[in-house]
Structures are given as C-alpha cells and as structure tokens.
C-alpha cells in the first residue's frame, strides 16, 4: 500500500508545543507520509508561503496549523494575508487561538482532540 504524502506547515512559537505536534504526526504515519515544516513566527510563515528569501525554492504546504498568538506577525494577520492572495486563499488553515494544542485520543485513527481550536478557513 502506497502512503499518501501531505506537506503541513506548523506555525508555532512554543518549542514545547511544536515538539508535541511533531510527535503527534510521527505517531500517525501508518497511512500518510507527513512532511512537516515549522515556522517559529508569523513572518517566517509568510516568507515560506510567499517564497521569499531562503524559502524561494520551498514547496508550498497543503495544510497549515497556525498559532493565533505569534511574535513579529500575528496569526490573524498571517491568515488575512493568506486569504487575500488569489493563489493561497483555498489553502486549508487550522487556527489555534488559545495556545493549547494537540491531545491524542486514539492510536488507531488519525484524529485529534484539540483544545481551543477554531477552524476559520
């Protein structure tokens, strides 16, 4: 069986939360090959998706997990800029508004119980 490949960008300034997210995805790799890239602030996320600077050759993510409370550029502004761009407005974004993130419910399926999350886009 061939695994599906999905590129996810995680925008998270907390190293502890980023570690938990990475662990959650790595524990769920039975059917999906998760290609996860991390951005530590809103500006780095924007540079990546708009392919600026060192991200000029970066592949676009297929999905974004976005912390709402970020340094440099807020999650709200990142979301606004993504959705205002004609080429990126259909990019799925899951927003964490309260900086409480992933808790794994079951190891048999790929889903999460998420505290403080709102799907905004």
PDB file of N, CA and C in Angstrom:
ATOM      1  N   UNK A   1       0.836  -1.176   0.000  1.00  0.00           N
ATOM      2  CA  UNK A   1       0.000   0.000   0.000  1.00  0.00           C
ATOM      3  C   UNK A   1       0.886   1.247   0.000  1.00  0.00           C
ATOM      4  N   UNK A   2       0.621   2.167  -0.906  1.00  0.00           N
ATOM      5  CA  UNK A   2       1.385   3.399  -1.006  1.00  0.00           C
ATOM      6  C   UNK A   2       0.834   4.431  -0.043  1.00  0.00           C
ATOM      7  N   UNK A   3       1.742   5.069   0.684  1.00  0.00           N
ATOM      8  CA  UNK A   3       1.335   6.115   1.608  1.00  0.00           C
ATOM      9  C   UNK A   3       1.060   7.405   0.857  1.00  0.00           C
ATOM     10  N   UNK A   4       0.068   8.136   1.307  1.00  0.00           N
ATOM     11  CA  UNK A   4      -0.226   9.451   0.764  1.00  0.00           C
ATOM     12  C   UNK A   4       0.754  10.442   1.385  1.00  0.00           C
ATOM     13  N   UNK A   5       1.279  11.353   0.595  1.00  0.00           N
ATOM     14  CA  UNK A   5       2.240  12.348   1.052  1.00  0.00           C
ATOM     15  C   UNK A   5       1.514  13.683   1.251  1.00  0.00           C
ATOM     16  N   UNK A   6       1.598  14.246   2.452  1.00  0.00           N
ATOM     17  CA  UNK A   6       0.954  15.529   2.743  1.00  0.00           C
ATOM     18  C   UNK A   6       1.965  16.451   3.412  1.00  0.00           C
ATOM     19  N   UNK A   7       2.154  17.632   2.828  1.00  0.00           N
ATOM     20  CA  UNK A   7       3.063  18.637   3.384  1.00  0.00           C
ATOM     21  C   UNK A   7       2.257  19.590   4.269  1.00  0.00           C
ATOM     22  N   UNK A   8       2.681  19.689   5.535  1.00  0.00           N
ATOM     23  CA  UNK A   8       1.996  20.521   6.519  1.00  0.00           C
ATOM     24  C   UNK A   8       2.976  21.560   7.046  1.00  0.00           C
ATOM     25  N   UNK A   9       2.529  22.811   7.117  1.00  0.00           N
ATOM     26  CA  UNK A   9       3.325  23.838   7.763  1.00  0.00           C
ATOM     27  C   UNK A   9       2.708  24.124   9.131  1.00  0.00           C
ATOM     28  N   UNK A  10       3.529  23.999  10.165  1.00  0.00           N
ATOM     29  CA  UNK A  10       3.118  24.284  11.528  1.00  0.00           C
ATOM     30  C   UNK A  10       3.751  25.617  11.914  1.00  0.00           C
ATOM     31  N   UNK A  11       2.909  26.586  12.251  1.00  0.00           N
ATOM     32  CA  UNK A  11       3.391  27.899  12.658  1.00  0.00           C
ATOM     33  C   UNK A  11       3.160  28.000  14.159  1.00  0.00           C
ATOM     34  N   UNK A  12       4.239  27.860  14.916  1.00  0.00           N
ATOM     35  CA  UNK A  12       4.135  27.761  16.378  1.00  0.00           C
ATOM     36  C   UNK A  12       5.402  28.312  17.008  1.00  0.00           C
ATOM     37  N   UNK A  13       5.263  29.263  17.929  1.00  0.00           N
ATOM     38  CA  UNK A  13       6.435  29.854  18.574  1.00  0.00           C
ATOM     39  C   UNK A  13       6.884  29.105  19.825  1.00  0.00           C
ATOM     40  N   UNK A  14       6.052  28.252  20.362  1.00  0.00           N
ATOM     41  CA  UNK A  14       6.414  27.472  21.545  1.00  0.00           C
ATOM     42  C   UNK A  14       7.118  26.187  21.123  1.00  0.00           C
ATOM     43  N   UNK A  15       8.363  26.026  21.572  1.00  0.00           N
ATOM     44  CA  UNK A  15       9.108  24.808  21.231  1.00  0.00           C
ATOM     45  C   UNK A  15       8.446  23.563  21.800  1.00  0.00           C
ATOM     46  N   UNK A  16       7.875  23.667  22.995  1.00  0.00           N
ATOM     47  CA  UNK A  16       7.214  22.515  23.618  1.00  0.00           C
ATOM     48  C   UNK A  16       5.991  22.088  22.809  1.00  0.00           C
ATOM     49  N   UNK A  17       5.197  23.054  22.387  1.00  0.00           N
ATOM     50  CA  UNK A  17       4.010  22.732  21.589  1.00  0.00           C
ATOM     51  C   UNK A  17       4.414  22.187  20.226  1.00  0.00           C
ATOM     52  N   UNK A  18       5.433  22.776  19.613  1.00  0.00           N
ATOM     53  CA  UNK A  18       5.916  22.293  18.317  1.00  0.00           C
ATOM     54  C   UNK A  18       6.384  20.843  18.433  1.00  0.00           C
ATOM     55  N   UNK A  19       7.058  20.513  19.536  1.00  0.00           N
ATOM     56  CA  UNK A  19       7.503  19.133  19.760  1.00  0.00           C
ATOM     57  C   UNK A  19       6.306  18.184  19.849  1.00  0.00           C
ATOM     58  N   UNK A  20       5.270  18.577  20.595  1.00  0.00           N
ATOM     59  CA  UNK A  20       4.081  17.731  20.734  1.00  0.00           C
ATOM     60  C   UNK A  20       3.386  17.515  19.391  1.00  0.00           C
ATOM     61  N   UNK A  21       3.334  18.560  18.604  1.00  0.00           N
ATOM     62  CA  UNK A  21       2.708  18.452  17.286  1.00  0.00           C
ATOM     63  C   UNK A  21       3.511  17.505  16.401  1.00  0.00           C
ATOM     64  N   UNK A  22       4.832  17.672  16.402  1.00  0.00           N
ATOM     65  CA  UNK A  22       5.688  16.792  15.607  1.00  0.00           C
ATOM     66  C   UNK A  22       5.515  15.345  16.043  1.00  0.00           C
ATOM     67  N   UNK A  23       5.474  15.116  17.336  1.00  0.00           N
ATOM     68  CA  UNK A  23       5.280  13.767  17.887  1.00  0.00           C
ATOM     69  C   UNK A  23       3.924  13.199  17.462  1.00  0.00           C
ATOM     70  N   UNK A  24       2.885  14.029  17.535  1.00  0.00           N
ATOM     71  CA  UNK A  24       1.543  13.576  17.153  1.00  0.00           C
ATOM     72  C   UNK A  24       1.506  13.116  15.704  1.00  0.00           C
ATOM     73  N   UNK A  25       2.133  13.874  14.814  1.00  0.00           N
ATOM     74  CA  UNK A  25       2.147  13.478  13.408  1.00  0.00           C
ATOM     75  C   UNK A  25       3.016  12.244  13.186  1.00  0.00           C
ATOM     76  N   UNK A  26       4.156  12.149  13.848  1.00  0.00           N
ATOM     77  CA  UNK A  26       5.025  10.993  13.633  1.00  0.00           C
ATOM     78  C   UNK A  26       4.382   9.711  14.141  1.00  0.00           C
ATOM     79  N   UNK A  27       3.546   9.814  15.163  1.00  0.00           N
ATOM     80  CA  UNK A  27       2.826   8.646  15.675  1.00  0.00           C
ATOM     81  C   UNK A  27       1.681   8.236  14.750  1.00  0.00           C
ATOM     82  N   UNK A  28       1.348   9.048  13.783  1.00  0.00           N
ATOM     83  CA  UNK A  28       0.218   8.789  12.894  1.00  0.00           C
ATOM     84  C   UNK A  28       0.653   8.541  11.462  1.00  0.00           C
ATOM     85  N   UNK A  29       1.779   7.900  11.276  1.00  0.00           N
ATOM     86  CA  UNK A  29       2.326   7.737   9.941  1.00  0.00           C
ATOM     87  C   UNK A  29       2.023   6.427   9.254  1.00  0.00           C
ATOM     88  N   UNK A  30       1.017   5.696   9.719  1.00  0.00           N
ATOM     89  CA  UNK A  30       0.721   4.412   9.112  1.00  0.00           C
ATOM     90  C   UNK A  30       0.251   4.538   7.663  1.00  0.00           C
ATOM     91  N   UNK A  31      -0.603   5.506   7.383  1.00  0.00           N
ATOM     92  CA  UNK A  31      -1.188   5.638   6.055  1.00  0.00           C
ATOM     93  C   UNK A  31      -0.749   6.901   5.326  1.00  0.00           C
ATOM     94  N   UNK A  32      -0.135   7.826   6.072  1.00  0.00           N
ATOM     95  CA  UNK A  32       0.248   9.107   5.487  1.00  0.00           C
ATOM     96  C   UNK A  32       1.706   9.395   5.809  1.00  0.00           C
ATOM     97  N   UNK A  33       2.438   9.827   4.792  1.00  0.00           N
ATOM     98  CA  UNK A  33       3.803  10.299   4.977  1.00  0.00           C
ATOM     99  C   UNK A  33       3.707  11.807   5.198  1.00  0.00           C
ATOM    100  N   UNK A  34       3.771  12.234   6.457  1.00  0.00           N
ATOM    101  CA  UNK A  34       3.639  13.650   6.810  1.00  0.00           C
ATOM    102  C   UNK A  34       4.963  14.358   6.586  1.00  0.00           C
ATOM    103  N   UNK A  35       4.981  15.343   5.727  1.00  0.00           N
ATOM    104  CA  UNK A  35       6.148  16.189   5.503  1.00  0.00           C
ATOM    105  C   UNK A  35       5.863  17.493   6.249  1.00  0.00           C
ATOM    106  N   UNK A  36       6.460  17.642   7.419  1.00  0.00           N
ATOM    107  CA  UNK A  36       6.129  18.762   8.295  1.00  0.00           C
ATOM    108  C   UNK A  36       7.261  19.777   8.294  1.00  0.00           C
ATOM    109  N   UNK A  37       6.904  21.020   8.034  1.00  0.00           N
ATOM    110  CA  UNK A  37       7.873  22.102   8.169  1.00  0.00           C
ATOM    111  C   UNK A  37       7.362  23.040   9.263  1.00  0.00           C
ATOM    112  N   UNK A  38       8.276  23.648   9.973  1.00  0.00           N
ATOM    113  CA  UNK A  38       7.918  24.509  11.099  1.00  0.00           C
ATOM    114  C   UNK A  38       8.354  25.939  10.839  1.00  0.00           C
ATOM    115  N   UNK A  39       7.505  26.868  11.234  1.00  0.00           N
ATOM    116  CA  UNK A  39       7.844  28.294  11.246  1.00  0.00           C
ATOM    117  C   UNK A  39       7.656  28.760  12.685  1.00  0.00           C
ATOM    118  N   UNK A  40       8.611  29.524  13.209  1.00  0.00           N
ATOM    119  CA  UNK A  40       8.561  29.916  14.619  1.00  0.00           C
ATOM    120  C   UNK A  40       7.841  31.240  14.867  1.00  0.00           C
ATOM    121  N   UNK A  41       7.502  31.950  13.790  1.00  0.00           N
ATOM    122  CA  UNK A  41       6.764  33.200  13.929  1.00  0.00           C
ATOM    123  C   UNK A  41       6.003  33.484  12.641  1.00  0.00           C
ATOM    124  N   UNK A  42       5.144  34.496  12.697  1.00  0.00           N
ATOM    125  CA  UNK A  42       4.313  34.813  11.542  1.00  0.00           C
ATOM    126  C   UNK A  42       5.093  35.259  10.325  1.00  0.00           C
ATOM    127  N   UNK A  43       6.184  35.994  10.537  1.00  0.00           N
ATOM    128  CA  UNK A  43       6.981  36.458   9.398  1.00  0.00           C
ATOM    129  C   UNK A  43       7.628  35.295   8.665  1.00  0.00           C
ATOM    130  N   UNK A  44       8.142  34.334   9.406  1.00  0.00           N
ATOM    131  CA  UNK A  44       8.746  33.156   8.779  1.00  0.00           C
ATOM    132  C   UNK A  44       7.696  32.369   7.981  1.00  0.00           C
ATOM    133  N   UNK A  45       6.490  32.273   8.510  1.00  0.00           N
ATOM    134  CA  UNK A  45       5.409  31.584   7.791  1.00  0.00           C
ATOM    135  C   UNK A  45       5.093  32.294   6.480  1.00  0.00           C
ATOM    136  N   UNK A  46       5.003  33.613   6.526  1.00  0.00           N
ATOM    137  CA  UNK A  46       4.719  34.381   5.308  1.00  0.00           C
ATOM    138  C   UNK A  46       5.853  34.250   4.295  1.00  0.00           C
ATOM    139  N   UNK A  47       7.090  34.308   4.765  1.00  0.00           N
ATOM    140  CA  UNK A  47       8.231  34.136   3.862  1.00  0.00           C
ATOM    141  C   UNK A  47       8.165  32.781   3.163  1.00  0.00           C
ATOM    142  N   UNK A  48       7.763  31.759   3.892  1.00  0.00           N
ATOM    143  CA  UNK A  48       7.675  30.416   3.323  1.00  0.00           C
ATOM    144  C   UNK A  48       6.578  30.323   2.262  1.00  0.00           C
ATOM    145  N   UNK A  49       5.373  30.741   2.592  1.00  0.00           N
ATOM    146  CA  UNK A  49       4.278  30.579   1.634  1.00  0.00           C
ATOM    147  C   UNK A  49       4.372  31.536   0.450  1.00  0.00           C
ATOM    148  N   UNK A  50       5.004  32.704   0.662  1.00  0.00           N
ATOM    149  CA  UNK A  50       5.187  33.640  -0.450  1.00  0.00           C
ATOM    150  C   UNK A  50       6.558  33.480  -1.106  1.00  0.00           C
ATOM    151  N   UNK A  51       7.324  32.459  -0.660  1.00  0.00           N
ATOM    152  CA  UNK A  51       8.609  32.068  -1.250  1.00  0.00           C
ATOM    153  C   UNK A  51       9.600  33.226  -1.325  1.00  0.00           C
ATOM    154  N   UNK A  52       9.871  33.791  -0.158  1.00  0.00           N
ATOM    155  CA  UNK A  52      10.821  34.903  -0.074  1.00  0.00           C
ATOM    156  C   UNK A  52      12.102  34.450   0.618  1.00  0.00           C
ATOM    157  N   UNK A  53      13.208  35.087   0.265  1.00  0.00           N
ATOM    158  CA  UNK A  53      14.486  34.811   0.923  1.00  0.00           C
ATOM    159  C   UNK A  53      14.904  33.368   0.784  1.00  0.00           C
ATOM    160  N   UNK A  54      15.272  32.767   1.913  1.00  0.00           N
ATOM    161  CA  UNK A  54      15.759  31.377   1.881  1.00  0.00           C
ATOM    162  C   UNK A  54      14.677  30.371   1.509  1.00  0.00           C
ATOM    163  N   UNK A  55      13.424  30.817   1.428  1.00  0.00           N
ATOM    164  CA  UNK A  55      12.304  29.931   1.077  1.00  0.00           C
ATOM    165  C   UNK A  55      11.920  30.035  -0.399  1.00  0.00           C
ATOM    166  N   UNK A  56      12.756  30.676  -1.199  1.00  0.00           N
ATOM    167  CA  UNK A  56      12.433  30.892  -2.616  1.00  0.00           C
ATOM    168  C   UNK A  56      12.138  29.594  -3.360  1.00  0.00           C
ATOM    169  N   UNK A  57      12.779  28.511  -2.967  1.00  0.00           N
ATOM    170  CA  UNK A  57      12.592  27.226  -3.639  1.00  0.00           C
ATOM    171  C   UNK A  57      11.711  26.267  -2.838  1.00  0.00           C
ATOM    172  N   UNK A  58      11.147  26.722  -1.749  1.00  0.00           N
ATOM    173  CA  UNK A  58      10.363  25.849  -0.863  1.00  0.00           C
ATOM    174  C   UNK A  58       9.053  25.415  -1.521  1.00  0.00           C
ATOM    175  N   UNK A  59       8.672  24.190  -1.246  1.00  0.00           N
ATOM    176  CA  UNK A  59       7.378  23.684  -1.717  1.00  0.00           C
ATOM    177  C   UNK A  59       6.272  24.281  -0.844  1.00  0.00           C
ATOM    178  N   UNK A  60       5.168  24.582  -1.449  1.00  0.00           N
ATOM    179  CA  UNK A  60       4.035  25.104  -0.682  1.00  0.00           C
ATOM    180  C   UNK A  60       3.411  24.007   0.170  1.00  0.00           C
ATOM    181  N   UNK A  61       2.962  24.354   1.358  1.00  0.00           N
ATOM    182  CA  UNK A  61       2.260  23.350   2.169  1.00  0.00           C
ATOM    183  C   UNK A  61       0.870  23.093   1.592  1.00  0.00           C
ATOM    184  N   UNK A  62       0.340  21.931   1.936  1.00  0.00           N
ATOM    185  CA  UNK A  62      -1.024  21.591   1.534  1.00  0.00           C
ATOM    186  C   UNK A  62      -2.010  21.901   2.654  1.00  0.00           C
ATOM    187  N   UNK A  63      -1.468  22.202   3.829  1.00  0.00           N
ATOM    188  CA  UNK A  63      -2.278  22.423   5.016  1.00  0.00           C
ATOM    189  C   UNK A  63      -1.442  23.236   6.003  1.00  0.00           C
ATOM    190  N   UNK A  64      -2.076  24.148   6.748  1.00  0.00           N
ATOM    191  CA  UNK A  64      -1.356  24.968   7.717  1.00  0.00           C
ATOM    192  C   UNK A  64      -2.025  24.852   9.085  1.00  0.00           C
ATOM    193  N   UNK A  65      -1.210  24.590  10.114  1.00  0.00           N
ATOM    194  CA  UNK A  65      -1.641  24.694  11.514  1.00  0.00           C
ATOM    195  C   UNK A  65      -1.049  25.994  12.027  1.00  0.00           C
ATOM    196  N   UNK A  66      -1.896  26.937  12.398  1.00  0.00           N
ATOM    197  CA  UNK A  66      -1.467  28.304  12.685  1.00  0.00           C
ATOM    198  C   UNK A  66      -1.803  28.715  14.106  1.00  0.00           C
ATOM    199  N   UNK A  67      -0.773  29.058  14.876  1.00  0.00           N
ATOM    200  CA  UNK A  67      -0.965  29.617  16.210  1.00  0.00           C
ATOM    201  C   UNK A  67      -1.470  31.049  16.040  1.00  0.00           C
ATOM    202  N   UNK A  68      -2.426  31.440  16.826  1.00  0.00           N
ATOM    203  CA  UNK A  68      -3.012  32.773  16.727  1.00  0.00           C
ATOM    204  C   UNK A  68      -2.122  33.832  17.365  1.00  0.00           C
ATOM    205  N   UNK A  69      -1.430  33.464  18.437  1.00  0.00           N
ATOM    206  CA  UNK A  69      -0.593  34.402  19.193  1.00  0.00           C
ATOM    207  C   UNK A  69       0.876  34.178  18.830  1.00  0.00           C
ATOM    208  N   UNK A  70       1.354  34.951  17.851  1.00  0.00           N
ATOM    209  CA  UNK A  70       2.713  34.778  17.337  1.00  0.00           C
ATOM    210  C   UNK A  70       3.512  36.074  17.451  1.00  0.00           C
ATOM    211  N   UNK A  71       4.842  35.953  17.570  1.00  0.00           N
ATOM    212  CA  UNK A  71       5.680  37.155  17.515  1.00  0.00           C
ATOM    213  C   UNK A  71       5.843  37.634  16.067  1.00  0.00           C
ATOM    214  N   UNK A  72       6.281  38.858  15.917  1.00  0.00           N
ATOM    215  CA  UNK A  72       6.566  39.541  14.646  1.00  0.00           C
ATOM    216  C   UNK A  72       5.304  39.846  13.850  1.00  0.00           C
ATOM    217  N   UNK A  73       4.609  38.817  13.392  1.00  0.00           N
ATOM    218  CA  UNK A  73       3.346  38.993  12.666  1.00  0.00           C
ATOM    219  C   UNK A  73       2.339  38.053  13.305  1.00  0.00           C
ATOM    220  N   UNK A  74       1.194  38.570  13.706  1.00  0.00           N
ATOM    221  CA  UNK A  74       0.194  37.758  14.408  1.00  0.00           C
ATOM    222  C   UNK A  74      -0.420  36.705  13.490  1.00  0.00           C
ATOM    223  N   UNK A  75      -0.982  35.681  14.106  1.00  0.00           N
ATOM    224  CA  UNK A  75      -1.697  34.663  13.348  1.00  0.00           C
ATOM    225  C   UNK A  75      -2.859  35.253  12.568  1.00  0.00           C
ATOM    226  N   UNK A  76      -3.510  36.225  13.166  1.00  0.00           N
ATOM    227  CA  UNK A  76      -4.640  36.895  12.492  1.00  0.00           C
ATOM    228  C   UNK A  76      -4.177  37.553  11.195  1.00  0.00           C
ATOM    229  N   UNK A  77      -3.030  38.233  11.243  1.00  0.00           N
ATOM    230  CA  UNK A  77      -2.510  38.900  10.050  1.00  0.00           C
ATOM    231  C   UNK A  77      -2.021  37.885   9.021  1.00  0.00           C
ATOM    232  N   UNK A  78      -1.399  36.809   9.475  1.00  0.00           N
ATOM    233  CA  UNK A  78      -0.970  35.746   8.554  1.00  0.00           C
ATOM    234  C   UNK A  78      -2.189  35.192   7.817  1.00  0.00           C
ATOM    235  N   UNK A  79      -3.241  34.895   8.566  1.00  0.00           N
ATOM    236  CA  UNK A  79      -4.461  34.358   7.953  1.00  0.00           C
ATOM    237  C   UNK A  79      -5.053  35.355   6.962  1.00  0.00           C
ATOM    238  N   UNK A  80      -5.112  36.626   7.341  1.00  0.00           N
ATOM    239  CA  UNK A  80      -5.663  37.661   6.450  1.00  0.00           C
ATOM    240  C   UNK A  80      -4.869  37.728   5.140  1.00  0.00           C
ATOM    241  N   UNK A  81      -3.545  37.695   5.240  1.00  0.00           N
ATOM    242  CA  UNK A  81      -2.718  37.774   4.039  1.00  0.00           C
ATOM    243  C   UNK A  81      -2.840  36.521   3.172  1.00  0.00           C
ATOM    244  N   UNK A  82      -2.935  35.352   3.801  1.00  0.00           N
ATOM    245  CA  UNK A  82      -3.130  34.122   3.029  1.00  0.00           C
ATOM    246  C   UNK A  82      -4.448  34.162   2.268  1.00  0.00           C
ATOM    247  N   UNK A  83      -5.502  34.571   2.956  1.00  0.00           N
ATOM    248  CA  UNK A  83      -6.830  34.551   2.341  1.00  0.00           C
ATOM    249  C   UNK A  83      -7.051  35.693   1.361  1.00  0.00           C
ATOM    250  N   UNK A  84      -6.201  36.709   1.399  1.00  0.00           N
ATOM    251  CA  UNK A  84      -6.331  37.808   0.439  1.00  0.00           C
ATOM    252  C   UNK A  84      -5.544  37.543  -0.840  1.00  0.00           C
ATOM    253  N   UNK A  85      -4.712  36.502  -0.839  1.00  0.00           N
ATOM    254  CA  UNK A  85      -3.939  36.145  -2.024  1.00  0.00           C
ATOM    255  C   UNK A  85      -4.727  35.150  -2.873  1.00  0.00           C
ATOM    256  N   UNK A  86      -4.897  35.476  -4.141  1.00  0.00           N
ATOM    257  CA  UNK A  86      -5.702  34.645  -5.038  1.00  0.00           C
ATOM    258  C   UNK A  86      -5.191  33.215  -5.148  1.00  0.00           C
ATOM    259  N   UNK A  87      -3.877  33.017  -5.077  1.00  0.00           N
ATOM    260  CA  UNK A  87      -3.299  31.679  -5.212  1.00  0.00           C
ATOM    261  C   UNK A  87      -3.311  30.881  -3.919  1.00  0.00           C
ATOM    262  N   UNK A  88      -3.506  31.531  -2.785  1.00  0.00           N
ATOM    263  CA  UNK A  88      -3.419  30.855  -1.493  1.00  0.00           C
ATOM    264  C   UNK A  88      -4.738  30.792  -0.730  1.00  0.00           C
ATOM    265  N   UNK A  89      -5.754  31.461  -1.213  1.00  0.00           N
ATOM    266  CA  UNK A  89      -6.992  31.556  -0.425  1.00  0.00           C
ATOM    267  C   UNK A  89      -7.693  30.220  -0.195  1.00  0.00           C
ATOM    268  N   UNK A  90      -7.399  29.214  -1.011  1.00  0.00           N
ATOM    269  CA  UNK A  90      -8.015  27.904  -0.806  1.00  0.00           C
ATOM    270  C   UNK A  90      -7.159  26.983   0.067  1.00  0.00           C
ATOM    271  N   UNK A  91      -5.998  27.452   0.496  1.00  0.00           N
ATOM    272  CA  UNK A  91      -5.123  26.666   1.362  1.00  0.00           C
ATOM    273  C   UNK A  91      -5.816  26.452   2.710  1.00  0.00           C
ATOM    274  N   UNK A  92      -6.015  25.196   3.114  1.00  0.00           N
ATOM    275  CA  UNK A  92      -6.686  24.942   4.403  1.00  0.00           C
ATOM    276  C   UNK A  92      -5.815  25.392   5.579  1.00  0.00           C
ATOM    277  N   UNK A  93      -6.449  26.111   6.513  1.00  0.00           N
ATOM    278  CA  UNK A  93      -5.751  26.615   7.691  1.00  0.00           C
ATOM    279  C   UNK A  93      -6.562  26.253   8.929  1.00  0.00           C
ATOM    280  N   UNK A  94      -5.887  25.644   9.900  1.00  0.00           N
ATOM    281  CA  UNK A  94      -6.499  25.348  11.189  1.00  0.00           C
ATOM    282  C   UNK A  94      -5.826  26.263  12.203  1.00  0.00           C
ATOM    283  N   UNK A  95      -6.629  27.053  12.904  1.00  0.00           N
ATOM    284  CA  UNK A  95      -6.100  28.074  13.803  1.00  0.00           C
ATOM    285  C   UNK A  95      -6.244  27.653  15.254  1.00  0.00           C
ATOM    286  N   UNK A  96      -5.138  27.804  16.000  1.00  0.00           N
ATOM    287  CA  UNK A  96      -5.122  27.579  17.447  1.00  0.00           C
ATOM    288  C   UNK A  96      -5.172  28.956  18.096  1.00  0.00           C
ATOM    289  N   UNK A  97      -6.295  29.304  18.701  1.00  0.00           N
ATOM    290  CA  UNK A  97      -6.468  30.649  19.251  1.00  0.00           C
ATOM    291  C   UNK A  97      -6.014  30.777  20.693  1.00  0.00           C
ATOM    292  N   UNK A  98      -5.823  29.707  21.404  1.00  0.00           N
ATOM    293  CA  UNK A  98      -5.550  29.817  22.834  1.00  0.00           C
ATOM    294  C   UNK A  98      -4.248  29.155  23.262  1.00  0.00           C
ATOM    295  N   UNK A  99      -3.427  28.791  22.310  1.00  0.00           N
ATOM    296  CA  UNK A  99      -2.120  28.182  22.577  1.00  0.00           C
ATOM    297  C   UNK A  99      -2.190  26.887  23.381  1.00  0.00           C
ATOM    298  N   UNK A 100      -3.310  26.168  23.290  1.00  0.00           N
ATOM    299  CA  UNK A 100      -3.417  24.807  23.834  1.00  0.00           C
ATOM    300  C   UNK A 100      -3.628  23.936  22.608  1.00  0.00           C
ATOM    301  N   UNK A 101      -2.765  22.948  22.390  1.00  0.00           N
ATOM    302  CA  UNK A 101      -2.894  22.288  21.111  1.00  0.00           C
ATOM    303  C   UNK A 101      -3.304  20.833  21.166  1.00  0.00           C
ATOM    304  N   UNK A 102      -2.491  19.961  20.678  1.00  0.00           N
ATOM    305  CA  UNK A 102      -2.937  18.618  20.319  1.00  0.00           C
ATOM    306  C   UNK A 102      -2.907  17.652  21.496  1.00  0.00           C
ATOM    307  N   UNK A 103      -4.012  16.934  21.678  1.00  0.00           N
ATOM    308  CA  UNK A 103      -4.068  15.815  22.602  1.00  0.00           C
ATOM    309  C   UNK A 103      -4.551  14.613  21.802  1.00  0.00           C
ATOM    310  N   UNK A 104      -3.804  13.559  21.837  1.00  0.00           N
ATOM    311  CA  UNK A 104      -4.173  12.383  21.045  1.00  0.00           C
ATOM    312  C   UNK A 104      -5.220  11.565  21.791  1.00  0.00           C
ATOM    313  N   UNK A 105      -6.284  11.226  21.093  1.00  0.00           N
ATOM    314  CA  UNK A 105      -7.340  10.401  21.676  1.00  0.00           C
ATOM    315  C   UNK A 105      -7.078   8.915  21.461  1.00  0.00           C
ATOM    316  N   UNK A 106      -6.802   8.542  20.221  1.00  0.00           N
ATOM    317  CA  UNK A 106      -6.680   7.129  19.906  1.00  0.00           C
ATOM    318  C   UNK A 106      -5.505   6.900  18.979  1.00  0.00           C
ATOM    319  N   UNK A 107      -4.854   5.777  19.125  1.00  0.00           N
ATOM    320  CA  UNK A 107      -3.744   5.438  18.241  1.00  0.00           C
ATOM    321  C   UNK A 107      -4.233   4.705  16.983  1.00  0.00           C
ATOM    322  N   UNK A 108      -5.473   4.324  16.942  1.00  0.00           N
ATOM    323  CA  UNK A 108      -5.960   3.541  15.811  1.00  0.00           C
ATOM    324  C   UNK A 108      -6.462   4.389  14.656  1.00  0.00           C
ATOM    325  N   UNK A 109      -6.623   5.676  14.857  1.00  0.00           N
ATOM    326  CA  UNK A 109      -7.090   6.526  13.772  1.00  0.00           C
ATOM    327  C   UNK A 109      -6.375   7.865  13.820  1.00  0.00           C
ATOM    328  N   UNK A 110      -6.418   8.561  12.698  1.00  0.00           N
ATOM    329  CA  UNK A 110      -5.723   9.838  12.590  1.00  0.00           C
ATOM    330  C   UNK A 110      -6.709  10.961  12.894  1.00  0.00           C
ATOM    331  N   UNK A 111      -6.875  11.252  14.172  1.00  0.00           N
ATOM    332  CA  UNK A 111      -7.654  12.430  14.537  1.00  0.00           C
ATOM    333  C   UNK A 111      -7.231  12.899  15.907  1.00  0.00           C
ATOM    334  N   UNK A 112      -7.585  14.110  16.212  1.00  0.00           N
ATOM    335  CA  UNK A 112      -7.097  14.755  17.413  1.00  0.00           C
ATOM    336  C   UNK A 112      -8.256  15.340  18.208  1.00  0.00           C
ATOM    337  N   UNK A 113      -8.101  15.351  19.515  1.00  0.00           N
ATOM    338  CA  UNK A 113      -8.954  16.172  20.350  1.00  0.00           C
ATOM    339  C   UNK A 113      -8.153  17.448  20.517  1.00  0.00           C
ATOM    340  N   UNK A 114      -8.729  18.553  20.161  1.00  0.00           N
ATOM    341  CA  UNK A 114      -7.980  19.788  20.169  1.00  0.00           C
ATOM    342  C   UNK A 114      -8.674  20.775  21.094  1.00  0.00           C
ATOM    343  N   UNK A 115      -7.906  21.336  22.026  1.00  0.00           N
ATOM    344  CA  UNK A 115      -8.453  22.300  22.970  1.00  0.00           C
ATOM    345  C   UNK A 115      -8.194  23.689  22.429  1.00  0.00           C
ATOM    346  N   UNK A 116      -9.214  24.527  22.393  1.00  0.00           N
ATOM    347  CA  UNK A 116      -9.050  25.915  21.993  1.00  0.00           C
ATOM    348  C   UNK A 116      -8.914  26.139  20.510  1.00  0.00           C
ATOM    349  N   UNK A 117      -9.358  25.206  19.686  1.00  0.00           N
ATOM    350  CA  UNK A 117      -9.183  25.373  18.253  1.00  0.00           C
ATOM    351  C   UNK A 117     -10.467  25.852  17.582  1.00  0.00           C
ATOM    352  N   UNK A 118     -10.279  26.670  16.580  1.00  0.00           N
ATOM    353  CA  UNK A 118     -11.395  27.094  15.754  1.00  0.00           C
ATOM    354  C   UNK A 118     -10.963  26.968  14.304  1.00  0.00           C
ATOM    355  N   UNK A 119     -11.768  26.328  13.494  1.00  0.00           N
ATOM    356  CA  UNK A 119     -11.463  26.249  12.074  1.00  0.00           C
ATOM    357  C   UNK A 119     -12.017  27.509  11.449  1.00  0.00           C
ATOM    358  N   UNK A 120     -11.119  28.371  11.003  1.00  0.00           N
ATOM    359  CA  UNK A 120     -11.540  29.657  10.461  1.00  0.00           C
ATOM    360  C   UNK A 120     -11.452  29.724   8.943  1.00  0.00           C
ATOM    361  N   UNK A 121     -10.749  28.794   8.360  1.00  0.00           N
ATOM    362  CA  UNK A 121     -10.596  28.878   6.909  1.00  0.00           C
ATOM    363  C   UNK A 121     -10.552  27.493   6.313  1.00  0.00           C
TER     364      UNK A 121
END
